[in-house]
Amino acid sequence: MSERMCIVTRASGPTEGLIRFVAAPDGTVVPDLKERLPGRGCWITPERDVVALALKRRLFAKALKAEVTVDPDMPETLDRLLRDQLLGMMAMARKAGQFVSGATKVDKAVRSGEALAVFHATDAAEDGVRKIGQARHFAVEVGLDPIEAFHLLSADEMAFHLGEGALIHAAALAGQAGEGVVKRAKLLHRYRHGLAKPSDGALNGGTEHGELE
């Protein structure tokens, strides 16, 4: 696995843990989330504050060795791109039967060990989150791996992009597409919250900080 250095932190790591940027033909810097665009690239730690710092310090031109233009809204644009990438993967996983919605289906998937992660709308009722938290606690008690819970998207965002009504609670299931959903959810979480680790609050009847339980 190849490694690259973040142009801001100067820390090296696998490319899958960084975001690549390239200069488009018109000199505009664009994120290359799929790492397929041609040309010289530079790599940045996937955290909003780090991207903002690269913009503030004008590090893109230095790293790309070219006169480039960087959209001042790059941090917000990248957040939207990462969100859309997650939503797209959710839609793909749903078609593959590896993403389900609805409290009853999510509860069943968690208790059976089929769920890789659960997703609650940011505006979900606390009671619904608590009940699925109880299912996650049950899964741990019977020896299953802990299941992460993400709060990254509103019900309207999920409904608009995925259709079929508001998705208040959902789960990514075992399989390649389901794993892809979890991978992208973790990336978006890190971009918004850095390396903040979740607590076990929800598994103990409480609530957890940030947007990832």
N, C-alpha and C. Protein backbone atom coordinates (compact mmCIF):
# COMPACT_ATOMS: atom_id res chain seq x y z
N MET A 1 0.85 -1.20 0.00
CA MET A 1 0.00 0.00 0.00
C MET A 1 0.88 1.25 0.00
N SER A 2 0.67 2.13 -0.97
CA SER A 2 1.50 3.32 -1.08
C SER A 2 1.19 4.33 0.01
N GLU A 3 2.19 5.13 0.36
CA GLU A 3 2.04 6.16 1.38
C GLU A 3 2.37 7.52 0.78
N ARG A 4 1.76 8.54 1.35
CA ARG A 4 2.02 9.91 0.94
C ARG A 4 2.09 10.79 2.20
N MET A 5 2.60 12.00 2.01
CA MET A 5 2.73 12.92 3.13
C MET A 5 1.70 14.04 3.02
N CYS A 6 1.05 14.34 4.12
CA CYS A 6 0.11 15.46 4.17
C CYS A 6 0.90 16.75 4.05
N ILE A 7 0.48 17.65 3.15
CA ILE A 7 1.22 18.88 2.93
C ILE A 7 1.08 19.86 4.08
N VAL A 8 0.16 19.59 5.01
CA VAL A 8 -0.04 20.48 6.15
C VAL A 8 0.64 19.95 7.40
N THR A 9 0.30 18.71 7.78
CA THR A 9 0.84 18.14 9.02
C THR A 9 2.22 17.54 8.83
N ARG A 10 2.57 17.24 7.58
CA ARG A 10 3.83 16.58 7.21
C ARG A 10 3.91 15.15 7.70
N ALA A 11 2.79 14.60 8.15
CA ALA A 11 2.74 13.21 8.58
C ALA A 11 2.47 12.33 7.37
N SER A 12 3.13 11.17 7.32
CA SER A 12 2.94 10.24 6.21
C SER A 12 1.99 9.12 6.62
N GLY A 13 1.29 8.59 5.62
CA GLY A 13 0.37 7.49 5.88
C GLY A 13 -0.16 6.93 4.59
N PRO A 14 -0.92 5.83 4.67
CA PRO A 14 -1.50 5.22 3.47
C PRO A 14 -2.41 6.21 2.74
N THR A 15 -2.44 6.13 1.44
CA THR A 15 -3.26 7.07 0.66
C THR A 15 -4.74 6.96 1.00
N GLU A 16 -5.20 5.78 1.43
CA GLU A 16 -6.62 5.64 1.75
C GLU A 16 -7.00 6.46 2.99
N GLY A 17 -6.01 6.94 3.73
CA GLY A 17 -6.29 7.77 4.89
C GLY A 17 -6.06 9.25 4.62
N LEU A 18 -5.91 9.61 3.34
CA LEU A 18 -5.68 11.00 2.95
C LEU A 18 -6.62 11.35 1.80
N ILE A 19 -6.72 12.64 1.49
CA ILE A 19 -7.51 13.09 0.34
C ILE A 19 -6.56 13.73 -0.67
N ARG A 20 -6.69 13.31 -1.92
CA ARG A 20 -5.83 13.83 -2.99
C ARG A 20 -6.48 15.05 -3.64
N PHE A 21 -5.64 16.02 -3.96
CA PHE A 21 -6.07 17.22 -4.69
C PHE A 21 -5.19 17.37 -5.92
N VAL A 22 -5.79 17.85 -7.02
CA VAL A 22 -5.04 18.10 -8.24
C VAL A 22 -5.46 19.44 -8.81
N ALA A 23 -4.66 19.93 -9.75
CA ALA A 23 -5.01 21.17 -10.45
C ALA A 23 -5.69 20.81 -11.76
N ALA A 24 -6.88 21.32 -11.96
CA ALA A 24 -7.61 21.09 -13.21
C ALA A 24 -6.91 21.86 -14.34
N PRO A 25 -7.26 21.57 -15.59
CA PRO A 25 -6.62 22.28 -16.72
C PRO A 25 -6.71 23.79 -16.63
N ASP A 26 -7.76 24.32 -15.98
CA ASP A 26 -7.89 25.77 -15.86
C ASP A 26 -7.16 26.33 -14.64
N GLY A 27 -6.42 25.46 -13.92
CA GLY A 27 -5.66 25.91 -12.77
C GLY A 27 -6.42 25.89 -11.46
N THR A 28 -7.65 25.43 -11.49
CA THR A 28 -8.45 25.35 -10.27
C THR A 28 -8.13 24.07 -9.52
N VAL A 29 -7.93 24.18 -8.22
CA VAL A 29 -7.66 23.01 -7.40
C VAL A 29 -8.97 22.28 -7.10
N VAL A 30 -8.96 20.95 -7.35
CA VAL A 30 -10.17 20.16 -7.12
C VAL A 30 -9.82 18.91 -6.31
N PRO A 31 -10.73 18.45 -5.45
CA PRO A 31 -10.50 17.20 -4.72
C PRO A 31 -10.63 16.02 -5.68
N ASP A 32 -9.77 15.05 -5.53
CA ASP A 32 -9.81 13.85 -6.36
C ASP A 32 -10.13 12.67 -5.43
N LEU A 33 -11.40 12.53 -5.05
CA LEU A 33 -11.77 11.53 -4.06
C LEU A 33 -11.54 10.11 -4.55
N LYS A 34 -11.64 9.89 -5.86
CA LYS A 34 -11.45 8.54 -6.40
C LYS A 34 -10.00 8.29 -6.81
N GLU A 35 -9.16 9.30 -6.68
CA GLU A 35 -7.73 9.19 -6.98
C GLU A 35 -7.48 8.71 -8.41
N ARG A 36 -8.23 9.29 -9.34
CA ARG A 36 -8.11 8.89 -10.74
C ARG A 36 -7.73 10.03 -11.68
N LEU A 37 -7.79 11.26 -11.20
CA LEU A 37 -7.53 12.39 -12.08
C LEU A 37 -6.05 12.46 -12.44
N PRO A 38 -5.74 12.85 -13.67
CA PRO A 38 -4.34 12.92 -14.10
C PRO A 38 -3.64 14.15 -13.53
N GLY A 39 -2.33 14.12 -13.63
CA GLY A 39 -1.54 15.27 -13.21
C GLY A 39 -0.93 15.11 -11.83
N ARG A 40 -0.10 16.07 -11.49
CA ARG A 40 0.55 16.08 -10.18
C ARG A 40 -0.49 16.30 -9.10
N GLY A 41 -0.39 15.56 -8.03
CA GLY A 41 -1.35 15.70 -6.94
C GLY A 41 -0.66 16.01 -5.63
N CYS A 42 -1.45 16.42 -4.66
CA CYS A 42 -0.95 16.60 -3.30
C CYS A 42 -1.97 15.98 -2.36
N TRP A 43 -1.55 15.69 -1.14
CA TRP A 43 -2.38 14.92 -0.23
C TRP A 43 -2.57 15.67 1.09
N ILE A 44 -3.78 15.58 1.63
CA ILE A 44 -4.10 16.29 2.87
C ILE A 44 -4.87 15.36 3.81
N THR A 45 -4.58 15.47 5.08
CA THR A 45 -5.32 14.74 6.11
C THR A 45 -6.80 15.09 6.00
N PRO A 46 -7.69 14.10 6.03
CA PRO A 46 -9.12 14.37 5.81
C PRO A 46 -9.83 14.96 7.02
N GLU A 47 -9.42 16.17 7.37
CA GLU A 47 -10.06 16.90 8.46
C GLU A 47 -10.30 18.33 8.01
N ARG A 48 -11.49 18.82 8.28
CA ARG A 48 -11.88 20.15 7.79
C ARG A 48 -10.89 21.24 8.22
N ASP A 49 -10.46 21.21 9.46
CA ASP A 49 -9.54 22.24 9.95
C ASP A 49 -8.20 22.19 9.22
N VAL A 50 -7.77 20.98 8.86
CA VAL A 50 -6.49 20.84 8.16
C VAL A 50 -6.61 21.39 6.74
N VAL A 51 -7.72 21.10 6.08
CA VAL A 51 -7.94 21.63 4.72
C VAL A 51 -8.01 23.15 4.76
N ALA A 52 -8.69 23.69 5.78
CA ALA A 52 -8.78 25.14 5.92
C ALA A 52 -7.41 25.76 6.14
N LEU A 53 -6.56 25.07 6.86
CA LEU A 53 -5.21 25.58 7.12
C LEU A 53 -4.37 25.57 5.85
N ALA A 54 -4.55 24.55 5.03
CA ALA A 54 -3.83 24.50 3.74
C ALA A 54 -4.24 25.68 2.87
N LEU A 55 -5.52 26.02 2.93
CA LEU A 55 -6.03 27.17 2.17
C LEU A 55 -5.45 28.47 2.72
N LYS A 56 -5.46 28.61 4.03
CA LYS A 56 -4.99 29.83 4.67
C LYS A 56 -3.50 30.06 4.40
N ARG A 57 -2.73 28.99 4.42
CA ARG A 57 -1.27 29.10 4.24
C ARG A 57 -0.84 29.03 2.78
N ARG A 58 -1.81 28.90 1.88
CA ARG A 58 -1.55 28.85 0.45
C ARG A 58 -0.57 27.73 0.10
N LEU A 59 -0.82 26.56 0.66
CA LEU A 59 0.09 25.44 0.48
C LEU A 59 -0.18 24.67 -0.81
N PHE A 60 -1.34 24.85 -1.42
CA PHE A 60 -1.65 24.10 -2.63
C PHE A 60 -0.69 24.46 -3.77
N ALA A 61 -0.45 25.74 -3.97
CA ALA A 61 0.44 26.17 -5.05
C ALA A 61 1.85 25.63 -4.85
N LYS A 62 2.31 25.66 -3.62
CA LYS A 62 3.65 25.17 -3.33
C LYS A 62 3.75 23.67 -3.58
N ALA A 63 2.74 22.92 -3.13
CA ALA A 63 2.79 21.47 -3.28
C ALA A 63 2.60 21.04 -4.73
N LEU A 64 1.74 21.75 -5.46
CA LEU A 64 1.48 21.39 -6.86
C LEU A 64 2.46 22.02 -7.83
N LYS A 65 3.31 22.90 -7.28
CA LYS A 65 4.33 23.58 -8.09
C LYS A 65 3.72 24.25 -9.32
N ALA A 66 2.65 25.01 -9.07
CA ALA A 66 1.95 25.68 -10.18
C ALA A 66 1.14 26.84 -9.62
N GLU A 67 0.83 27.78 -10.52
CA GLU A 67 -0.07 28.86 -10.16
C GLU A 67 -1.49 28.29 -10.19
N VAL A 68 -2.11 28.26 -9.04
CA VAL A 68 -3.44 27.64 -8.98
C VAL A 68 -4.42 28.57 -8.29
N THR A 69 -5.69 28.29 -8.51
CA THR A 69 -6.77 29.02 -7.86
C THR A 69 -7.53 28.06 -6.96
N VAL A 70 -7.73 28.48 -5.72
CA VAL A 70 -8.43 27.63 -4.76
C VAL A 70 -9.71 28.34 -4.31
N ASP A 71 -10.82 27.67 -4.47
CA ASP A 71 -12.10 28.22 -4.03
C ASP A 71 -12.06 28.44 -2.52
N PRO A 72 -12.35 29.65 -2.04
CA PRO A 72 -12.33 29.91 -0.60
C PRO A 72 -13.35 29.05 0.16
N ASP A 73 -14.33 28.51 -0.56
CA ASP A 73 -15.32 27.64 0.07
C ASP A 73 -14.93 26.17 -0.03
N MET A 74 -13.66 25.89 -0.31
CA MET A 74 -13.21 24.51 -0.46
C MET A 74 -13.59 23.62 0.72
N PRO A 75 -13.39 24.04 1.98
CA PRO A 75 -13.77 23.17 3.10
C PRO A 75 -15.23 22.76 3.07
N GLU A 76 -16.13 23.70 2.74
CA GLU A 76 -17.55 23.40 2.68
C GLU A 76 -17.87 22.54 1.46
N THR A 77 -17.21 22.82 0.34
CA THR A 77 -17.42 22.04 -0.87
C THR A 77 -17.01 20.59 -0.65
N LEU A 78 -15.89 20.40 0.02
CA LEU A 78 -15.40 19.04 0.28
C LEU A 78 -16.34 18.29 1.21
N ASP A 79 -16.90 19.00 2.19
CA ASP A 79 -17.88 18.37 3.08
C ASP A 79 -19.06 17.85 2.26
N ARG A 80 -19.54 18.67 1.34
CA ARG A 80 -20.68 18.27 0.51
C ARG A 80 -20.33 17.09 -0.38
N LEU A 81 -19.12 17.08 -0.93
CA LEU A 81 -18.70 15.97 -1.79
C LEU A 81 -18.60 14.67 -1.01
N LEU A 82 -18.07 14.75 0.20
CA LEU A 82 -17.96 13.56 1.04
C LEU A 82 -19.34 13.06 1.46
N ARG A 83 -20.24 14.00 1.73
CA ARG A 83 -21.62 13.63 2.06
C ARG A 83 -22.29 12.94 0.89
N ASP A 84 -22.14 13.52 -0.31
CA ASP A 84 -22.76 12.95 -1.50
C ASP A 84 -22.17 11.58 -1.83
N GLN A 85 -20.88 11.42 -1.57
CA GLN A 85 -20.23 10.13 -1.80
C GLN A 85 -20.84 9.08 -0.87
N LEU A 86 -21.08 9.45 0.38
CA LEU A 86 -21.70 8.54 1.34
C LEU A 86 -23.11 8.18 0.89
N LEU A 87 -23.89 9.18 0.51
CA LEU A 87 -25.26 8.94 0.07
C LEU A 87 -25.30 8.04 -1.17
N GLY A 88 -24.37 8.25 -2.08
CA GLY A 88 -24.30 7.43 -3.28
C GLY A 88 -23.99 5.98 -2.94
N MET A 89 -23.11 5.78 -1.97
CA MET A 89 -22.77 4.43 -1.56
C MET A 89 -23.93 3.78 -0.84
N MET A 90 -24.69 4.56 -0.07
CA MET A 90 -25.88 4.04 0.60
C MET A 90 -26.89 3.53 -0.43
N ALA A 91 -27.08 4.32 -1.49
CA ALA A 91 -28.02 3.93 -2.54
C ALA A 91 -27.56 2.64 -3.22
N MET A 92 -26.27 2.52 -3.46
CA MET A 92 -25.73 1.32 -4.08
C MET A 92 -25.91 0.11 -3.18
N ALA A 93 -25.63 0.30 -1.89
CA ALA A 93 -25.77 -0.79 -0.93
C ALA A 93 -27.23 -1.21 -0.80
N ARG A 94 -28.11 -0.24 -0.89
CA ARG A 94 -29.54 -0.55 -0.80
C ARG A 94 -29.96 -1.45 -1.96
N LYS A 95 -29.51 -1.14 -3.16
CA LYS A 95 -29.84 -1.96 -4.33
C LYS A 95 -29.27 -3.37 -4.20
N ALA A 96 -28.14 -3.46 -3.48
CA ALA A 96 -27.50 -4.76 -3.28
C ALA A 96 -28.09 -5.52 -2.08
N GLY A 97 -29.08 -4.91 -1.43
CA GLY A 97 -29.67 -5.54 -0.26
C GLY A 97 -28.81 -5.47 0.98
N GLN A 98 -27.90 -4.50 1.01
CA GLN A 98 -26.97 -4.38 2.14
C GLN A 98 -27.14 -3.06 2.90
N PHE A 99 -28.31 -2.45 2.76
CA PHE A 99 -28.62 -1.23 3.50
C PHE A 99 -30.12 -1.22 3.71
N VAL A 100 -30.54 -1.25 4.97
CA VAL A 100 -31.97 -1.30 5.29
C VAL A 100 -32.34 -0.11 6.16
N SER A 101 -33.62 0.26 6.14
CA SER A 101 -34.10 1.38 6.94
C SER A 101 -35.35 0.97 7.69
N GLY A 102 -35.64 1.74 8.73
CA GLY A 102 -36.80 1.43 9.57
C GLY A 102 -36.33 0.83 10.88
N ALA A 103 -36.86 1.32 11.98
CA ALA A 103 -36.41 0.90 13.30
C ALA A 103 -36.48 -0.61 13.50
N THR A 104 -37.55 -1.24 13.03
CA THR A 104 -37.72 -2.68 13.22
C THR A 104 -36.65 -3.47 12.49
N LYS A 105 -36.40 -3.12 11.23
CA LYS A 105 -35.38 -3.82 10.44
C LYS A 105 -33.99 -3.59 11.01
N VAL A 106 -33.73 -2.36 11.46
CA VAL A 106 -32.41 -2.05 12.03
C VAL A 106 -32.20 -2.83 13.31
N ASP A 107 -33.20 -2.85 14.18
CA ASP A 107 -33.11 -3.59 15.44
C ASP A 107 -32.80 -5.06 15.17
N LYS A 108 -33.50 -5.65 14.22
CA LYS A 108 -33.30 -7.06 13.88
C LYS A 108 -31.89 -7.30 13.34
N ALA A 109 -31.42 -6.40 12.48
CA ALA A 109 -30.09 -6.56 11.89
C ALA A 109 -29.00 -6.46 12.95
N VAL A 110 -29.20 -5.58 13.92
CA VAL A 110 -28.22 -5.41 14.99
C VAL A 110 -28.18 -6.66 15.87
N ARG A 111 -29.34 -7.13 16.28
CA ARG A 111 -29.40 -8.28 17.19
C ARG A 111 -28.93 -9.57 16.54
N SER A 112 -29.07 -9.67 15.21
CA SER A 112 -28.65 -10.88 14.50
C SER A 112 -27.16 -10.88 14.16
N GLY A 113 -26.52 -9.72 14.31
CA GLY A 113 -25.11 -9.61 13.97
C GLY A 113 -24.86 -9.29 12.51
N GLU A 114 -25.93 -9.04 11.75
CA GLU A 114 -25.77 -8.74 10.33
C GLU A 114 -25.36 -7.29 10.09
N ALA A 115 -25.69 -6.40 11.01
CA ALA A 115 -25.40 -4.98 10.83
C ALA A 115 -23.93 -4.67 11.08
N LEU A 116 -23.35 -3.87 10.19
CA LEU A 116 -21.97 -3.40 10.37
C LEU A 116 -21.95 -2.07 11.12
N ALA A 117 -22.97 -1.25 10.91
CA ALA A 117 -23.09 0.05 11.54
C ALA A 117 -24.52 0.52 11.41
N VAL A 118 -24.94 1.39 12.30
CA VAL A 118 -26.28 1.96 12.20
C VAL A 118 -26.18 3.46 11.98
N PHE A 119 -27.24 4.00 11.39
CA PHE A 119 -27.29 5.42 11.06
C PHE A 119 -28.58 6.01 11.61
N HIS A 120 -28.45 7.07 12.40
CA HIS A 120 -29.61 7.79 12.90
C HIS A 120 -29.63 9.17 12.26
N ALA A 121 -30.79 9.62 11.85
CA ALA A 121 -30.90 11.00 11.35
C ALA A 121 -30.49 11.95 12.47
N THR A 122 -29.88 13.06 12.10
CA THR A 122 -29.46 14.02 13.12
C THR A 122 -30.64 14.58 13.89
N ASP A 123 -31.83 14.50 13.30
CA ASP A 123 -33.03 14.99 13.96
C ASP A 123 -33.92 13.84 14.44
N ALA A 124 -33.35 12.66 14.62
CA ALA A 124 -34.11 11.51 15.11
C ALA A 124 -34.51 11.72 16.57
N ALA A 125 -35.66 11.18 16.94
CA ALA A 125 -36.13 11.26 18.32
C ALA A 125 -35.21 10.44 19.23
N GLU A 126 -34.96 10.96 20.43
CA GLU A 126 -34.07 10.29 21.36
C GLU A 126 -34.57 8.89 21.72
N ASP A 127 -35.88 8.71 21.78
CA ASP A 127 -36.43 7.42 22.17
C ASP A 127 -36.06 6.34 21.15
N GLY A 128 -36.14 6.67 19.86
CA GLY A 128 -35.78 5.71 18.84
C GLY A 128 -34.31 5.36 18.87
N VAL A 129 -33.47 6.37 19.10
CA VAL A 129 -32.03 6.14 19.19
C VAL A 129 -31.73 5.26 20.40
N ARG A 130 -32.43 5.52 21.50
CA ARG A 130 -32.19 4.75 22.73
C ARG A 130 -32.56 3.28 22.53
N LYS A 131 -33.66 3.02 21.86
CA LYS A 131 -34.10 1.64 21.66
C LYS A 131 -33.11 0.85 20.81
N ILE A 132 -32.59 1.48 19.77
CA ILE A 132 -31.60 0.79 18.95
C ILE A 132 -30.29 0.67 19.72
N GLY A 133 -30.02 1.64 20.59
CA GLY A 133 -28.85 1.54 21.46
C GLY A 133 -28.95 0.31 22.36
N GLN A 134 -30.15 0.00 22.80
CA GLN A 134 -30.35 -1.19 23.62
C GLN A 134 -30.05 -2.46 22.82
N ALA A 135 -30.42 -2.45 21.54
CA ALA A 135 -30.12 -3.60 20.68
C ALA A 135 -28.61 -3.73 20.49
N ARG A 136 -27.92 -2.61 20.36
CA ARG A 136 -26.45 -2.63 20.23
C ARG A 136 -25.82 -3.18 21.50
N HIS A 137 -26.37 -2.80 22.63
CA HIS A 137 -25.88 -3.30 23.92
C HIS A 137 -26.09 -4.81 24.01
N PHE A 138 -27.24 -5.28 23.56
CA PHE A 138 -27.54 -6.71 23.55
C PHE A 138 -26.52 -7.46 22.70
N ALA A 139 -26.21 -6.90 21.54
CA ALA A 139 -25.27 -7.55 20.62
C ALA A 139 -23.92 -7.75 21.29
N VAL A 140 -23.47 -6.75 22.03
CA VAL A 140 -22.19 -6.86 22.74
C VAL A 140 -22.27 -7.91 23.83
N GLU A 141 -23.39 -7.95 24.55
CA GLU A 141 -23.56 -8.90 25.65
C GLU A 141 -23.51 -10.35 25.17
N VAL A 142 -23.99 -10.60 23.96
CA VAL A 142 -23.99 -11.98 23.45
C VAL A 142 -22.71 -12.31 22.67
N GLY A 143 -21.74 -11.42 22.71
CA GLY A 143 -20.44 -11.70 22.12
C GLY A 143 -20.21 -11.20 20.72
N LEU A 144 -21.13 -10.39 20.18
CA LEU A 144 -20.92 -9.83 18.84
C LEU A 144 -20.02 -8.60 18.93
N ASP A 145 -19.42 -8.25 17.80
CA ASP A 145 -18.57 -7.06 17.77
C ASP A 145 -19.39 -5.80 18.01
N PRO A 146 -18.83 -4.80 18.70
CA PRO A 146 -19.54 -3.53 18.90
C PRO A 146 -19.92 -2.91 17.56
N ILE A 147 -21.08 -2.31 17.51
CA ILE A 147 -21.59 -1.70 16.28
C ILE A 147 -21.62 -0.19 16.43
N GLU A 148 -20.93 0.51 15.57
CA GLU A 148 -20.90 1.97 15.63
C GLU A 148 -22.22 2.56 15.14
N ALA A 149 -22.54 3.73 15.67
CA ALA A 149 -23.76 4.43 15.25
C ALA A 149 -23.38 5.84 14.82
N PHE A 150 -23.77 6.20 13.61
CA PHE A 150 -23.43 7.50 13.04
C PHE A 150 -24.63 8.43 13.03
N HIS A 151 -24.37 9.71 13.30
CA HIS A 151 -25.37 10.78 13.17
C HIS A 151 -24.78 11.82 12.22
N LEU A 152 -24.89 11.60 10.92
CA LEU A 152 -24.23 12.45 9.94
C LEU A 152 -25.19 13.18 9.01
N LEU A 153 -26.38 12.64 8.84
CA LEU A 153 -27.32 13.16 7.85
C LEU A 153 -28.68 13.41 8.48
N SER A 154 -29.36 14.44 8.01
CA SER A 154 -30.72 14.69 8.49
C SER A 154 -31.69 13.75 7.79
N ALA A 155 -32.88 13.61 8.33
CA ALA A 155 -33.90 12.77 7.70
C ALA A 155 -34.22 13.29 6.30
N ASP A 156 -34.27 14.60 6.14
CA ASP A 156 -34.57 15.18 4.83
C ASP A 156 -33.47 14.88 3.81
N GLU A 157 -32.21 14.94 4.24
CA GLU A 157 -31.10 14.64 3.34
C GLU A 157 -31.20 13.20 2.84
N MET A 158 -31.44 12.28 3.75
CA MET A 158 -31.53 10.88 3.36
C MET A 158 -32.75 10.62 2.49
N ALA A 159 -33.86 11.23 2.85
CA ALA A 159 -35.08 11.02 2.08
C ALA A 159 -34.95 11.60 0.67
N PHE A 160 -34.35 12.77 0.55
CA PHE A 160 -34.21 13.43 -0.75
C PHE A 160 -33.34 12.60 -1.69
N HIS A 161 -32.26 12.05 -1.16
CA HIS A 161 -31.32 11.33 -2.00
C HIS A 161 -31.66 9.85 -2.16
N LEU A 162 -32.31 9.27 -1.16
CA LEU A 162 -32.57 7.84 -1.21
C LEU A 162 -34.03 7.50 -1.47
N GLY A 163 -34.92 8.50 -1.31
CA GLY A 163 -36.33 8.29 -1.59
C GLY A 163 -37.03 7.39 -0.59
N GLU A 164 -38.25 7.01 -0.93
CA GLU A 164 -39.06 6.09 -0.13
C GLU A 164 -39.27 6.58 1.29
N GLY A 165 -39.54 7.85 1.44
CA GLY A 165 -39.86 8.38 2.75
C GLY A 165 -38.62 8.70 3.57
N ALA A 166 -38.85 9.35 4.67
CA ALA A 166 -37.75 9.76 5.54
C ALA A 166 -37.10 8.54 6.20
N LEU A 167 -35.78 8.47 6.12
CA LEU A 167 -35.03 7.38 6.74
C LEU A 167 -34.50 7.88 8.09
N ILE A 168 -35.24 7.60 9.14
CA ILE A 168 -34.82 8.05 10.46
C ILE A 168 -33.74 7.16 11.03
N HIS A 169 -33.89 5.86 10.83
CA HIS A 169 -32.92 4.88 11.30
C HIS A 169 -32.59 3.93 10.16
N ALA A 170 -31.32 3.60 10.01
CA ALA A 170 -30.90 2.71 8.93
C ALA A 170 -29.68 1.92 9.39
N ALA A 171 -29.35 0.88 8.63
CA ALA A 171 -28.18 0.07 8.96
C ALA A 171 -27.50 -0.42 7.70
N ALA A 172 -26.17 -0.41 7.73
CA ALA A 172 -25.38 -1.01 6.66
C ALA A 172 -25.14 -2.47 7.06
N LEU A 173 -25.37 -3.38 6.10
CA LEU A 173 -25.26 -4.80 6.39
C LEU A 173 -23.97 -5.39 5.81
N ALA A 174 -23.64 -6.57 6.29
CA ALA A 174 -22.42 -7.24 5.86
C ALA A 174 -22.41 -7.42 4.34
N GLY A 175 -21.25 -7.19 3.76
CA GLY A 175 -21.09 -7.30 2.31
C GLY A 175 -20.21 -6.17 1.81
N GLN A 176 -19.75 -6.29 0.58
CA GLN A 176 -18.83 -5.29 0.03
C GLN A 176 -19.44 -3.90 -0.01
N ALA A 177 -20.70 -3.80 -0.44
CA ALA A 177 -21.35 -2.49 -0.51
C ALA A 177 -21.58 -1.91 0.88
N GLY A 178 -21.99 -2.77 1.81
CA GLY A 178 -22.19 -2.30 3.18
C GLY A 178 -20.89 -1.81 3.79
N GLU A 179 -19.80 -2.51 3.52
CA GLU A 179 -18.49 -2.08 4.00
C GLU A 179 -18.11 -0.74 3.40
N GLY A 180 -18.50 -0.54 2.13
CA GLY A 180 -18.22 0.74 1.48
C GLY A 180 -18.95 1.89 2.15
N VAL A 181 -20.17 1.64 2.60
CA VAL A 181 -20.93 2.66 3.32
C VAL A 181 -20.21 3.04 4.61
N VAL A 182 -19.78 2.04 5.37
CA VAL A 182 -19.11 2.31 6.65
C VAL A 182 -17.80 3.07 6.43
N LYS A 183 -17.06 2.68 5.42
CA LYS A 183 -15.78 3.35 5.12
C LYS A 183 -16.01 4.83 4.84
N ARG A 184 -17.02 5.14 4.05
CA ARG A 184 -17.29 6.54 3.70
C ARG A 184 -17.90 7.31 4.86
N ALA A 185 -18.65 6.63 5.70
CA ALA A 185 -19.20 7.28 6.89
C ALA A 185 -18.08 7.66 7.85
N LYS A 186 -17.11 6.79 8.00
CA LYS A 186 -15.98 7.09 8.88
C LYS A 186 -15.17 8.27 8.34
N LEU A 187 -15.04 8.34 7.02
CA LEU A 187 -14.29 9.44 6.41
C LEU A 187 -15.01 10.76 6.65
N LEU A 188 -16.32 10.78 6.46
CA LEU A 188 -17.07 12.02 6.68
C LEU A 188 -17.04 12.40 8.15
N HIS A 189 -17.16 11.42 9.03
CA HIS A 189 -17.09 11.71 10.47
C HIS A 189 -15.73 12.32 10.82
N ARG A 190 -14.66 11.75 10.30
CA ARG A 190 -13.34 12.30 10.61
C ARG A 190 -13.19 13.71 10.05
N TYR A 191 -13.72 13.93 8.85
CA TYR A 191 -13.60 15.26 8.27
C TYR A 191 -14.28 16.30 9.15
N ARG A 192 -15.40 15.95 9.72
CA ARG A 192 -16.16 16.90 10.54
C ARG A 192 -15.69 16.97 11.99
N HIS A 193 -15.16 15.86 12.51
CA HIS A 193 -14.87 15.80 13.95
C HIS A 193 -13.45 15.37 14.29
N GLY A 194 -12.59 15.23 13.30
CA GLY A 194 -11.22 14.83 13.58
C GLY A 194 -11.18 13.40 14.09
N LEU A 195 -10.24 13.13 14.98
CA LEU A 195 -10.05 11.79 15.50
C LEU A 195 -10.79 11.57 16.82
N ALA A 196 -11.78 12.42 17.09
CA ALA A 196 -12.55 12.26 18.33
C ALA A 196 -13.14 10.87 18.38
N LYS A 197 -12.88 10.18 19.48
CA LYS A 197 -13.37 8.82 19.64
C LYS A 197 -14.74 8.83 20.30
N PRO A 198 -15.60 7.90 19.86
CA PRO A 198 -16.91 7.80 20.51
C PRO A 198 -16.79 7.23 21.90
N SER A 199 -17.71 7.60 22.76
CA SER A 199 -17.76 7.01 24.10
C SER A 199 -18.70 5.82 24.03
N ASP A 200 -18.93 5.18 25.17
CA ASP A 200 -19.87 4.06 25.22
C ASP A 200 -21.19 4.49 25.82
N GLY A 201 -21.46 5.80 25.80
CA GLY A 201 -22.65 6.31 26.47
C GLY A 201 -23.94 5.66 26.02
N ALA A 202 -24.13 5.54 24.70
CA ALA A 202 -25.38 5.00 24.20
C ALA A 202 -25.57 3.55 24.60
N LEU A 203 -24.45 2.81 24.74
CA LEU A 203 -24.55 1.41 25.12
C LEU A 203 -24.83 1.26 26.60
N ASN A 204 -24.71 2.35 27.33
CA ASN A 204 -24.98 2.30 28.76
C ASN A 204 -26.20 3.11 29.14
N GLY A 205 -27.02 3.43 28.12
CA GLY A 205 -28.26 4.12 28.39
C GLY A 205 -28.19 5.61 28.30
N GLY A 206 -26.99 6.16 27.96
CA GLY A 206 -26.84 7.60 27.85
C GLY A 206 -26.70 8.01 26.40
N THR A 207 -26.20 9.21 26.18
CA THR A 207 -25.98 9.69 24.83
C THR A 207 -24.50 9.92 24.66
N GLU A 208 -24.05 9.86 23.41
CA GLU A 208 -22.64 10.02 23.14
C GLU A 208 -22.38 11.35 22.45
N HIS A 209 -21.15 11.81 22.58
CA HIS A 209 -20.83 13.13 22.06
C HIS A 209 -20.61 13.08 20.56
N GLY A 210 -20.55 14.26 19.94
CA GLY A 210 -20.29 14.36 18.52
C GLY A 210 -21.44 13.78 17.71
N GLU A 211 -21.10 13.29 16.51
CA GLU A 211 -22.12 12.74 15.63
C GLU A 211 -21.89 11.27 15.38
N LEU A 212 -21.03 10.64 16.17
CA LEU A 212 -20.80 9.22 16.04
C LEU A 212 -20.90 8.60 17.41
N GLU A 213 -21.77 7.65 17.57
CA GLU A 213 -21.90 6.99 18.86
C GLU A 213 -20.89 5.88 18.98
